[in-house]
C-alpha atoms as a PDB file:
ATOM      1  CA  MET A   1     116.143 153.343 132.472  1.00  0.00           C
ATOM      2  CA  LEU A   2     117.362 150.875 129.881  1.00  0.00           C
ATOM      3  CA  ALA A   3     114.879 150.844 127.012  1.00  0.00           C
ATOM      4  CA  GLY A   4     116.893 149.679 124.023  1.00  0.00           C
ATOM      5  CA  GLY A   5     117.450 146.270 122.542  1.00  0.00           C
ATOM      6  CA  ARG A   6     117.046 144.802 119.104  1.00  0.00           C
ATOM      7  CA  ALA A   7     113.516 143.405 119.632  1.00  0.00           C
ATOM      8  CA  THR A   8     114.484 140.250 117.754  1.00  0.00           C
ATOM      9  CA  ARG A   9     112.371 137.980 119.960  1.00  0.00           C
ATOM     10  CA  LEU A  10     109.352 140.215 119.325  1.00  0.00           C
ATOM     11  CA  GLY A  11     109.733 140.459 115.559  1.00  0.00           C
ATOM     12  CA  GLY A  12     110.954 144.044 115.763  1.00  0.00           C
ATOM     13  CA  VAL A  13     108.270 145.319 118.156  1.00  0.00           C
ATOM     14  CA  ALA A  14     109.795 147.658 120.759  1.00  0.00           C
ATOM     15  CA  LYS A  15     109.294 145.895 124.102  1.00  0.00           C
ATOM     16  CA  PRO A  16     109.179 149.152 126.144  1.00  0.00           C
ATOM     17  CA  GLN A  17     106.094 150.178 124.142  1.00  0.00           C
ATOM     18  CA  LEU A  18     104.150 146.983 124.863  1.00  0.00           C
ATOM     19  CA  ARG A  19     101.043 147.685 126.929  1.00  0.00           C
ATOM     20  CA  LEU A  20      99.933 146.045 130.128  1.00  0.00           C
ATOM     21  CA  SER A  21      96.523 147.119 131.419  1.00  0.00           C
ATOM     22  CA  GLY A  22      96.582 150.081 129.027  1.00  0.00           C
ATOM     23  CA  THR A  23     100.001 151.423 130.086  1.00  0.00           C
ATOM     24  CA  THR A  24     103.307 150.870 128.277  1.00  0.00           C
ATOM     25  CA  LEU A  25     106.051 148.972 130.057  1.00  0.00           C
ATOM     26  CA  LEU A  26     108.249 152.065 129.771  1.00  0.00           C
ATOM     27  CA  ASP A  27     105.628 154.290 131.396  1.00  0.00           C
ATOM     28  CA  ARG A  28     105.217 151.787 134.255  1.00  0.00           C
ATOM     29  CA  ALA A  29     108.967 151.740 134.885  1.00  0.00           C
ATOM     30  CA  VAL A  30     109.220 155.541 134.667  1.00  0.00           C
ATOM     31  CA  ALA A  31     106.336 155.874 137.130  1.00  0.00           C
ATOM     32  CA  ALA A  32     108.282 153.684 139.571  1.00  0.00           C
ATOM     33  CA  VAL A  33     110.964 156.404 139.792  1.00  0.00           C
ATOM     34  CA  ALA A  34     108.723 159.440 139.248  1.00  0.00           C
ATOM     35  CA  ALA A  35     110.200 161.161 142.314  1.00  0.00           C
ATOM     36  CA  ALA A  36     113.677 161.082 140.763  1.00  0.00           C
ATOM     37  CA  GLU A  37     115.569 164.301 140.165  1.00  0.00           C
ATOM     38  CA  ARG A  38     116.008 163.259 136.518  1.00  0.00           C
ATOM     39  CA  ILE A  39     114.932 160.232 134.521  1.00  0.00           C
ATOM     40  CA  VAL A  40     117.376 159.146 131.837  1.00  0.00           C
ATOM     41  CA  VAL A  41     116.147 156.669 129.240  1.00  0.00           C
ATOM     42  CA  VAL A  42     118.813 154.860 127.235  1.00  0.00           C
ATOM     43  CA  GLY A  43     117.438 153.771 123.899  1.00  0.00           C
ATOM     44  CA  PRO A  44     115.772 155.263 120.878  1.00  0.00           C
ATOM     45  CA  ALA A  45     113.524 158.253 121.473  1.00  0.00           C
ATOM     46  CA  GLN A  46     110.025 156.935 122.070  1.00  0.00           C
ATOM     47  CA  PRO A  47     106.782 158.012 123.689  1.00  0.00           C
ATOM     48  CA  VAL A  48     106.901 158.326 127.474  1.00  0.00           C
ATOM     49  CA  HIS A  49     104.637 160.082 129.960  1.00  0.00           C
ATOM     50  CA  GLY A  50     106.569 162.565 132.030  1.00  0.00           C
ATOM     51  CA  PRO A  51     109.900 164.280 131.605  1.00  0.00           C
ATOM     52  CA  ALA A  52     112.794 162.133 130.484  1.00  0.00           C
ATOM     53  CA  VAL A  53     116.209 162.681 128.928  1.00  0.00           C
ATOM     54  CA  PHE A  54     117.028 160.261 126.109  1.00  0.00           C
ATOM     55  CA  CYS A  55     120.527 159.104 125.211  1.00  0.00           C
ATOM     56  CA  ARG A  56     122.110 156.164 123.393  1.00  0.00           C
ATOM     57  CA  GLU A  57     124.994 153.859 124.126  1.00  0.00           C
ATOM     58  CA  GLU A  58     127.857 153.793 121.623  1.00  0.00           C
ATOM     59  CA  PRO A  59     127.581 151.941 119.443  1.00  0.00           C
ATOM     60  CA  PRO A  60     123.813 151.424 119.657  1.00  0.00           C
ATOM     61  CA  GLY A  61     123.162 147.843 120.692  1.00  0.00           C
ATOM     62  CA  ALA A  62     126.438 147.608 122.646  1.00  0.00           C
ATOM     63  CA  GLY A  63     124.659 146.144 125.655  1.00  0.00           C
ATOM     64  CA  PRO A  64     123.431 147.094 129.102  1.00  0.00           C
ATOM     65  CA  VAL A  65     126.807 148.065 130.589  1.00  0.00           C
ATOM     66  CA  ALA A  66     127.412 150.452 127.697  1.00  0.00           C
ATOM     67  CA  ALA A  67     123.898 151.817 128.267  1.00  0.00           C
ATOM     68  CA  VAL A  68     124.609 152.460 131.946  1.00  0.00           C
ATOM     69  CA  ALA A  69     127.893 154.160 131.016  1.00  0.00           C
ATOM     70  CA  ALA A  70     126.037 156.373 128.517  1.00  0.00           C
ATOM     71  CA  ALA A  71     123.392 157.369 131.083  1.00  0.00           C
ATOM     72  CA  LEU A  72     125.621 158.161 134.050  1.00  0.00           C
ATOM     73  CA  PRO A  73     126.954 161.500 132.707  1.00  0.00           C
ATOM     74  CA  HIS A  74     123.348 162.691 132.446  1.00  0.00           C
ATOM     75  CA  THR A  75     122.844 162.245 136.192  1.00  0.00           C
ATOM     76  CA  THR A  76     123.899 164.308 139.183  1.00  0.00           C
ATOM     77  CA  ALA A  77     122.001 162.703 142.060  1.00  0.00           C
ATOM     78  CA  GLN A  78     123.982 160.813 144.689  1.00  0.00           C
ATOM     79  CA  VAL A  79     121.642 157.818 144.344  1.00  0.00           C
ATOM     80  CA  VAL A  80     121.109 156.221 140.938  1.00  0.00           C
ATOM     81  CA  VAL A  81     118.391 153.651 140.343  1.00  0.00           C
ATOM     82  CA  LEU A  82     119.007 151.366 137.361  1.00  0.00           C
ATOM     83  CA  LEU A  83     115.963 149.723 135.839  1.00  0.00           C
ATOM     84  CA  ALA A  84     115.206 147.796 132.707  1.00  0.00           C
ATOM     85  CA  ALA A  85     112.099 149.190 131.030  1.00  0.00           C
ATOM     86  CA  ASP A  86     110.497 145.740 130.939  1.00  0.00           C
ATOM     87  CA  LEU A  87     109.856 145.435 134.684  1.00  0.00           C
ATOM     88  CA  PRO A  88     106.160 146.349 134.926  1.00  0.00           C
ATOM     89  CA  GLU A  89     105.767 145.555 138.635  1.00  0.00           C
ATOM     90  CA  ILE A  90     109.043 147.087 139.897  1.00  0.00           C
ATOM     91  CA  ALA A  91     107.558 150.080 141.768  1.00  0.00           C
ATOM     92  CA  PRO A  92     107.318 148.445 145.240  1.00  0.00           C
ATOM     93  CA  ALA A  93     110.969 147.362 145.046  1.00  0.00           C
ATOM     94  CA  VAL A  94     112.410 150.832 144.346  1.00  0.00           C
ATOM     95  CA  PRO A  95     112.145 152.231 147.910  1.00  0.00           C
ATOM     96  CA  VAL A  96     113.468 148.940 149.294  1.00  0.00           C
ATOM     97  CA  LEU A  97     116.515 149.117 147.011  1.00  0.00           C
ATOM     98  CA  VAL A  98     117.179 152.752 147.922  1.00  0.00           C
ATOM     99  CA  ALA A  99     116.806 152.032 151.647  1.00  0.00           C
ATOM    100  CA  ALA A 100     119.326 149.188 151.347  1.00  0.00           C
ATOM    101  CA  LEU A 101     121.979 151.740 150.360  1.00  0.00           C
ATOM    102  CA  GLN A 102     122.296 152.741 154.012  1.00  0.00           C
ATOM    103  CA  ASP A 103     124.518 149.689 154.415  1.00  0.00           C
ATOM    104  CA  ALA A 104     126.135 149.359 150.982  1.00  0.00           C
ATOM    105  CA  GLY A 105     127.247 151.100 147.823  1.00  0.00           C
ATOM    106  CA  ALA A 106     124.805 149.091 145.723  1.00  0.00           C
ATOM    107  CA  ALA A 107     121.670 147.022 146.181  1.00  0.00           C
ATOM    108  CA  THR A 108     120.156 144.619 143.662  1.00  0.00           C
ATOM    109  CA  LEU A 109     117.136 142.418 143.490  1.00  0.00           C
ATOM    110  CA  VAL A 110     118.090 138.764 143.758  1.00  0.00           C
ATOM    111  CA  ASP A 111     116.081 135.822 142.466  1.00  0.00           C
ATOM    112  CA  ALA A 112     115.389 132.616 144.379  1.00  0.00           C
ATOM    113  CA  SER A 113     118.600 131.027 143.063  1.00  0.00           C
ATOM    114  CA  GLY A 114     120.712 133.930 144.354  1.00  0.00           C
ATOM    115  CA  ARG A 115     121.329 135.557 140.959  1.00  0.00           C
ATOM    116  CA  ALA A 116     121.512 139.354 141.149  1.00  0.00           C
ATOM    117  CA  ASN A 117     119.545 141.454 138.669  1.00  0.00           C
ATOM    118  CA  TYR A 118     121.710 144.505 138.067  1.00  0.00           C
ATOM    119  CA  LEU A 119     118.953 146.008 135.911  1.00  0.00           C
ATOM    120  CA  ALA A 120     116.830 146.265 139.047  1.00  0.00           C
ATOM    121  CA  SER A 121     119.287 147.992 141.352  1.00  0.00           C
ATOM    122  CA  ALA A 122     120.177 151.147 143.248  1.00  0.00           C
ATOM    123  CA  TRP A 123     123.676 152.550 143.534  1.00  0.00           C
ATOM    124  CA  ARG A 124     125.513 155.325 145.229  1.00  0.00           C
ATOM    125  CA  ARG A 125     126.599 157.360 142.215  1.00  0.00           C
ATOM    126  CA  HIS A 126     130.270 157.289 143.243  1.00  0.00           C
ATOM    127  CA  ASP A 127     130.281 153.487 143.564  1.00  0.00           C
ATOM    128  CA  LEU A 128     128.638 153.075 140.158  1.00  0.00           C
ATOM    129  CA  ALA A 129     131.202 155.388 138.562  1.00  0.00           C
ATOM    130  CA  VAL A 130     134.048 153.432 140.194  1.00  0.00           C
ATOM    131  CA  ALA A 131     132.577 150.114 139.030  1.00  0.00           C
ATOM    132  CA  LEU A 132     132.247 151.388 135.460  1.00  0.00           C
ATOM    133  CA  GLY A 133     135.793 152.766 135.595  1.00  0.00           C
ATOM    134  CA  THR A 134     137.246 149.354 136.401  1.00  0.00           C
ATOM    135  CA  ILE A 135     135.893 147.546 133.347  1.00  0.00           C
ATOM    136  CA  GLY A 136     137.436 149.496 130.488  1.00  0.00           C
ATOM    137  CA  ASP A 137     135.360 149.595 127.306  1.00  0.00           C
ATOM    138  CA  PRO A 138     131.760 148.932 128.387  1.00  0.00           C
ATOM    139  CA  ALA A 139     130.578 147.822 124.927  1.00  0.00           C
ATOM    140  CA  GLY A 140     129.581 144.185 124.760  1.00  0.00           C
END
């Protein structure tokens, strides 16, 4: 779960802690993967309902690929679901993404223009590790 960012567009307010219908965006995203073996949140420690492991990318603010690289060592499951914390209605898509892994090493949501959203995706852990290994330094 990627829950970092500089919050510059929100005047410093942490987006994952924004509330929608009384629930934070982070809690909504965490609930979408509540059945997970482990939930890893990349970003500053912050309130969350349910068990979660927090970690940070190096250096902090290095971007989403660095965040994914920081989270992966905290996982052991063969399927990894990557989500941005600001996807409040993502829950119905999670089982669809996981089911799509029967035919591929990764599955992403795609918008109407065909652009993949890698922060709404499911991966076979091995394929994610290989992909990260091919890019070198993940910062930036």
